[in-house]
Amino acid sequence: HTHTHTPRHLPFRLEPLPMADAPTTSTKGATVRVWGRQQEPEKSRLTSAEKRYGLTWDELHAYKDRMLFPQLPTCMGVEELSKDISLCDSVFRGLDRCLTQGTIHEDDRFPYARMQICKPHWIKFNRCVNRRDELIMRNIKSWEKAYVANLDPASRSEYVDDIDSKMRYFLYAAANTGDAQHRARLEMNAQHCAIRQASLMKSNYDGADDQVAGTKV
């Protein structure tokens, strides 16, 4: 009977991979796995790990894309955002540190250990970014309503059409990218445009010029 020794950097026991399933090509430290016929056993192991931990390898490593802010309207400055919105810097650093350490200390027997170790960091980060984006979108809608109210009718129509064009561009770009995480980012940008457009369409500016004439942004 042989004993399995857990590497010191792992605070829990992990079962080693059967030798027959050992990867034939090293992918140590890789954040993107490239699959060929020889790597079928490893691909199967990754699929099992993703089901076990409830997140995908790509989702976990797309955190730098997720950290990006929703796109602000062209004329809206970052200083217009509420100072109370958490920018998620600390949870981003925690996740980044965990994944960096996981890459440095990756063991060929436990290639997906970082999915288990870093999942709590990922959950906190994801929750923070979702809340941040929701609050930023609220700020954008509020700012945009006041801004558009000061435009003449032709300019208002042009402004809404411009948002529509941006949304269509993001959807087109999403449909033409092979990267699943980049596609998700582009689709989210398109969704944000749709939210902004719907918000402005709900605002009835006709006949409201007298009321909004004194409103300056």
Protein backbone atom coordinates (compact mmCIF):
# COMPACT_ATOMS: atom_id res chain seq x y z
CA HIS A 1 0.00 0.00 0.00
CA THR A 2 1.41 3.40 -0.94
CA HIS A 3 0.61 6.61 0.89
CA THR A 4 -0.45 9.77 -0.93
CA HIS A 5 1.31 12.85 0.38
CA THR A 6 -0.57 16.12 -0.03
CA PRO A 7 1.75 18.94 -1.23
CA ARG A 8 2.37 21.48 1.50
CA HIS A 9 0.73 24.34 -0.38
CA LEU A 10 -2.63 22.50 -0.45
CA PRO A 11 -4.56 22.73 2.84
CA PHE A 12 -6.58 19.58 2.08
CA ARG A 13 -6.20 16.09 0.63
CA LEU A 14 -6.53 15.60 -3.12
CA GLU A 15 -6.60 12.25 -4.86
CA PRO A 16 -3.75 11.82 -7.35
CA LEU A 17 -4.52 11.09 -10.99
CA PRO A 18 -4.13 7.49 -12.16
CA MET A 19 -0.86 7.17 -14.05
CA ALA A 20 -2.68 5.93 -17.15
CA ASP A 21 -4.48 9.28 -17.32
CA ALA A 22 -1.37 11.42 -16.91
CA PRO A 23 -1.23 14.17 -19.56
CA THR A 24 1.14 13.36 -22.41
CA THR A 25 1.82 17.03 -23.07
CA SER A 26 2.62 19.41 -20.24
CA THR A 27 0.13 22.22 -19.68
CA LYS A 28 1.62 23.22 -16.33
CA GLY A 29 0.64 26.71 -15.29
CA ALA A 30 -1.53 27.24 -18.37
CA THR A 31 -4.64 29.37 -17.93
CA VAL A 32 -5.91 28.25 -21.34
CA ARG A 33 -6.00 24.55 -22.08
CA VAL A 34 -5.40 23.50 -25.70
CA TRP A 35 -6.91 20.12 -26.53
CA GLY A 36 -5.72 17.52 -29.02
CA ARG A 37 -6.52 13.81 -29.29
CA GLN A 38 -3.73 12.98 -26.85
CA GLN A 39 -5.30 15.20 -24.20
CA GLU A 40 -8.75 13.56 -24.22
CA PRO A 41 -8.23 12.00 -20.74
CA GLU A 42 -7.23 15.40 -19.31
CA LYS A 43 -10.19 17.10 -20.98
CA SER A 44 -12.47 14.55 -19.36
CA ARG A 45 -10.87 15.25 -15.96
CA LEU A 46 -11.37 18.98 -16.41
CA THR A 47 -15.04 18.47 -17.28
CA SER A 48 -15.45 16.43 -14.09
CA ALA A 49 -13.70 19.12 -12.03
CA GLU A 50 -15.91 21.85 -13.51
CA LYS A 51 -19.05 19.91 -12.59
CA ARG A 52 -17.73 19.26 -9.10
CA TYR A 53 -16.84 22.87 -8.35
CA GLY A 54 -19.74 24.51 -10.18
CA LEU A 55 -17.68 26.86 -12.35
CA THR A 56 -15.63 26.50 -15.50
CA TRP A 57 -11.88 26.87 -15.90
CA ASP A 58 -12.45 29.69 -18.42
CA GLU A 59 -14.86 31.56 -16.14
CA LEU A 60 -12.36 31.42 -13.30
CA HIS A 61 -9.54 32.79 -15.47
CA ALA A 62 -11.64 35.49 -17.19
CA TYR A 63 -11.61 37.64 -14.05
CA LYS A 64 -9.61 40.45 -15.69
CA ASP A 65 -12.31 40.82 -18.34
CA ARG A 66 -15.00 40.75 -15.64
CA MET A 67 -13.19 43.54 -13.78
CA LEU A 68 -13.86 45.94 -16.68
CA PHE A 69 -16.50 48.61 -16.00
CA PRO A 70 -19.68 48.85 -18.05
CA GLN A 71 -19.03 51.34 -20.86
CA LEU A 72 -19.99 54.88 -19.88
CA PRO A 73 -21.79 57.22 -22.30
CA THR A 74 -19.28 59.24 -24.36
CA CYS A 75 -19.98 62.52 -22.53
CA MET A 76 -20.18 61.02 -19.03
CA GLY A 77 -17.03 61.23 -16.93
CA VAL A 78 -16.03 58.68 -14.29
CA GLU A 79 -16.35 61.45 -11.69
CA GLU A 80 -20.13 61.41 -12.32
CA LEU A 81 -20.35 57.98 -10.67
CA SER A 82 -21.37 57.75 -7.04
CA LYS A 83 -18.38 57.62 -4.69
CA ASP A 84 -20.24 54.94 -2.68
CA ILE A 85 -19.87 52.30 -5.40
CA SER A 86 -17.30 49.64 -4.48
CA LEU A 87 -14.84 49.20 -7.35
CA CYS A 88 -14.02 45.66 -6.12
CA ASP A 89 -10.25 46.28 -6.02
CA SER A 90 -9.60 44.27 -2.85
CA VAL A 91 -11.55 41.17 -3.94
CA PHE A 92 -9.89 41.39 -7.36
CA ARG A 93 -6.45 41.41 -5.73
CA GLY A 94 -7.41 38.44 -3.51
CA LEU A 95 -8.51 36.36 -6.51
CA ASP A 96 -5.52 37.44 -8.59
CA ARG A 97 -3.11 36.48 -5.80
CA CYS A 98 -4.80 33.09 -5.34
CA LEU A 99 -4.67 32.25 -9.05
CA THR A 100 -1.09 33.45 -9.38
CA GLN A 101 -0.03 31.21 -6.48
CA GLY A 102 -2.05 28.35 -7.93
CA THR A 103 -0.20 28.71 -11.24
CA ILE A 104 3.23 28.86 -9.60
CA HIS A 105 2.58 25.83 -7.39
CA GLU A 106 0.60 23.74 -9.87
CA ASP A 107 1.22 20.02 -9.37
CA ASP A 108 0.83 17.68 -12.36
CA ARG A 109 -1.16 15.29 -10.15
CA PHE A 110 -3.61 18.05 -9.14
CA PRO A 111 -3.79 20.34 -12.20
CA TYR A 112 -7.16 21.83 -11.24
CA ALA A 113 -6.52 22.37 -7.52
CA ARG A 114 -6.82 26.13 -7.94
CA MET A 115 -10.49 25.71 -8.94
CA GLN A 116 -11.20 24.45 -5.43
CA ILE A 117 -8.77 26.73 -3.58
CA CYS A 118 -9.75 29.94 -5.39
CA LYS A 119 -13.51 29.37 -5.71
CA PRO A 120 -14.34 31.31 -2.48
CA HIS A 121 -12.34 34.28 -3.84
CA TRP A 122 -14.12 33.96 -7.19
CA ILE A 123 -17.57 33.93 -5.55
CA LYS A 124 -16.80 37.11 -3.57
CA PHE A 125 -15.35 38.79 -6.65
CA ASN A 126 -18.28 37.81 -8.87
CA ARG A 127 -20.83 39.01 -6.32
CA CYS A 128 -19.00 42.33 -5.91
CA VAL A 129 -18.69 42.95 -9.66
CA ASN A 130 -22.35 42.12 -10.30
CA ARG A 131 -23.43 44.59 -7.60
CA ARG A 132 -20.94 47.22 -8.86
CA ASP A 133 -22.21 46.94 -12.43
CA GLU A 134 -25.84 47.17 -11.31
CA LEU A 135 -25.11 50.41 -9.41
CA ILE A 136 -23.07 51.84 -12.29
CA MET A 137 -25.93 51.14 -14.71
CA ARG A 138 -28.31 52.92 -12.31
CA ASN A 139 -25.99 55.93 -12.28
CA ILE A 140 -25.72 55.87 -16.07
CA LYS A 141 -29.50 55.79 -16.56
CA SER A 142 -30.00 58.66 -14.14
CA TRP A 143 -27.25 60.78 -15.74
CA GLU A 144 -28.40 59.95 -19.26
CA LYS A 145 -32.02 60.93 -18.66
CA ALA A 146 -30.97 64.38 -17.47
CA TYR A 147 -28.45 64.76 -20.30
CA VAL A 148 -30.86 63.74 -23.07
CA ALA A 149 -33.62 65.93 -21.62
CA ASN A 150 -31.46 68.95 -22.52
CA LEU A 151 -31.10 67.95 -26.17
CA ASP A 152 -33.39 69.13 -28.95
CA PRO A 153 -35.74 66.46 -30.40
CA ALA A 154 -33.51 65.70 -33.41
CA SER A 155 -30.43 65.28 -31.21
CA ARG A 156 -32.37 63.06 -28.80
CA SER A 157 -33.38 60.77 -31.63
CA GLU A 158 -29.80 60.68 -32.90
CA TYR A 159 -28.52 59.89 -29.41
CA VAL A 160 -30.87 56.91 -28.98
CA ASP A 161 -30.02 55.69 -32.51
CA ASP A 162 -26.32 55.82 -31.61
CA ILE A 163 -26.92 53.54 -28.61
CA ASP A 164 -28.82 51.18 -30.92
CA SER A 165 -25.89 51.15 -33.37
CA LYS A 166 -23.45 50.33 -30.56
CA MET A 167 -25.71 47.49 -29.38
CA ARG A 168 -25.88 46.03 -32.90
CA TYR A 169 -22.09 46.28 -33.22
CA PHE A 170 -21.55 44.40 -29.93
CA LEU A 171 -23.98 41.66 -30.99
CA TYR A 172 -22.26 41.36 -34.38
CA ALA A 173 -18.81 41.19 -32.75
CA ALA A 174 -20.08 38.60 -30.22
CA ALA A 175 -21.42 36.41 -33.03
CA ASN A 176 -18.05 36.54 -34.78
CA THR A 177 -15.65 35.72 -31.97
CA GLY A 178 -14.48 32.22 -31.13
CA ASP A 179 -13.59 33.10 -27.53
CA ALA A 180 -16.50 32.20 -25.23
CA GLN A 181 -15.51 34.62 -22.45
CA HIS A 182 -14.92 37.51 -24.88
CA ARG A 183 -18.32 36.73 -26.42
CA ALA A 184 -19.92 36.91 -22.97
CA ARG A 185 -18.31 40.32 -22.41
CA LEU A 186 -19.56 41.66 -25.76
CA GLU A 187 -23.05 40.29 -25.12
CA MET A 188 -23.06 42.03 -21.74
CA ASN A 189 -22.07 45.31 -23.42
CA ALA A 190 -24.98 44.83 -25.84
CA GLN A 191 -27.33 44.13 -22.92
CA HIS A 192 -26.20 47.33 -21.18
CA CYS A 193 -26.94 49.29 -24.37
CA ALA A 194 -30.42 47.73 -24.52
CA ILE A 195 -31.06 48.71 -20.88
CA ARG A 196 -29.99 52.31 -21.56
CA GLN A 197 -32.07 52.48 -24.73
CA ALA A 198 -35.18 51.10 -23.00
CA SER A 199 -34.73 53.56 -20.14
CA LEU A 200 -34.59 56.52 -22.52
CA MET A 201 -37.51 55.28 -24.62
CA LYS A 202 -39.65 55.14 -21.46
CA SER A 203 -38.94 58.80 -20.77
CA ASN A 204 -41.52 60.99 -22.49
CA TYR A 205 -39.69 64.17 -23.41
CA ASP A 206 -42.37 65.53 -25.75
CA GLY A 207 -43.77 68.72 -24.37
CA ALA A 208 -41.42 68.56 -21.41
CA ASP A 209 -38.97 71.15 -22.70
CA ASP A 210 -40.26 73.85 -20.37
CA GLN A 211 -39.77 71.60 -17.34
CA VAL A 212 -36.25 70.52 -18.22
CA ALA A 213 -34.96 73.78 -19.68
CA GLY A 214 -33.34 74.72 -16.37
CA THR A 215 -31.73 71.35 -15.84
CA LYS A 216 -28.02 71.45 -16.54
CA VAL A 217 -25.63 68.50 -16.36
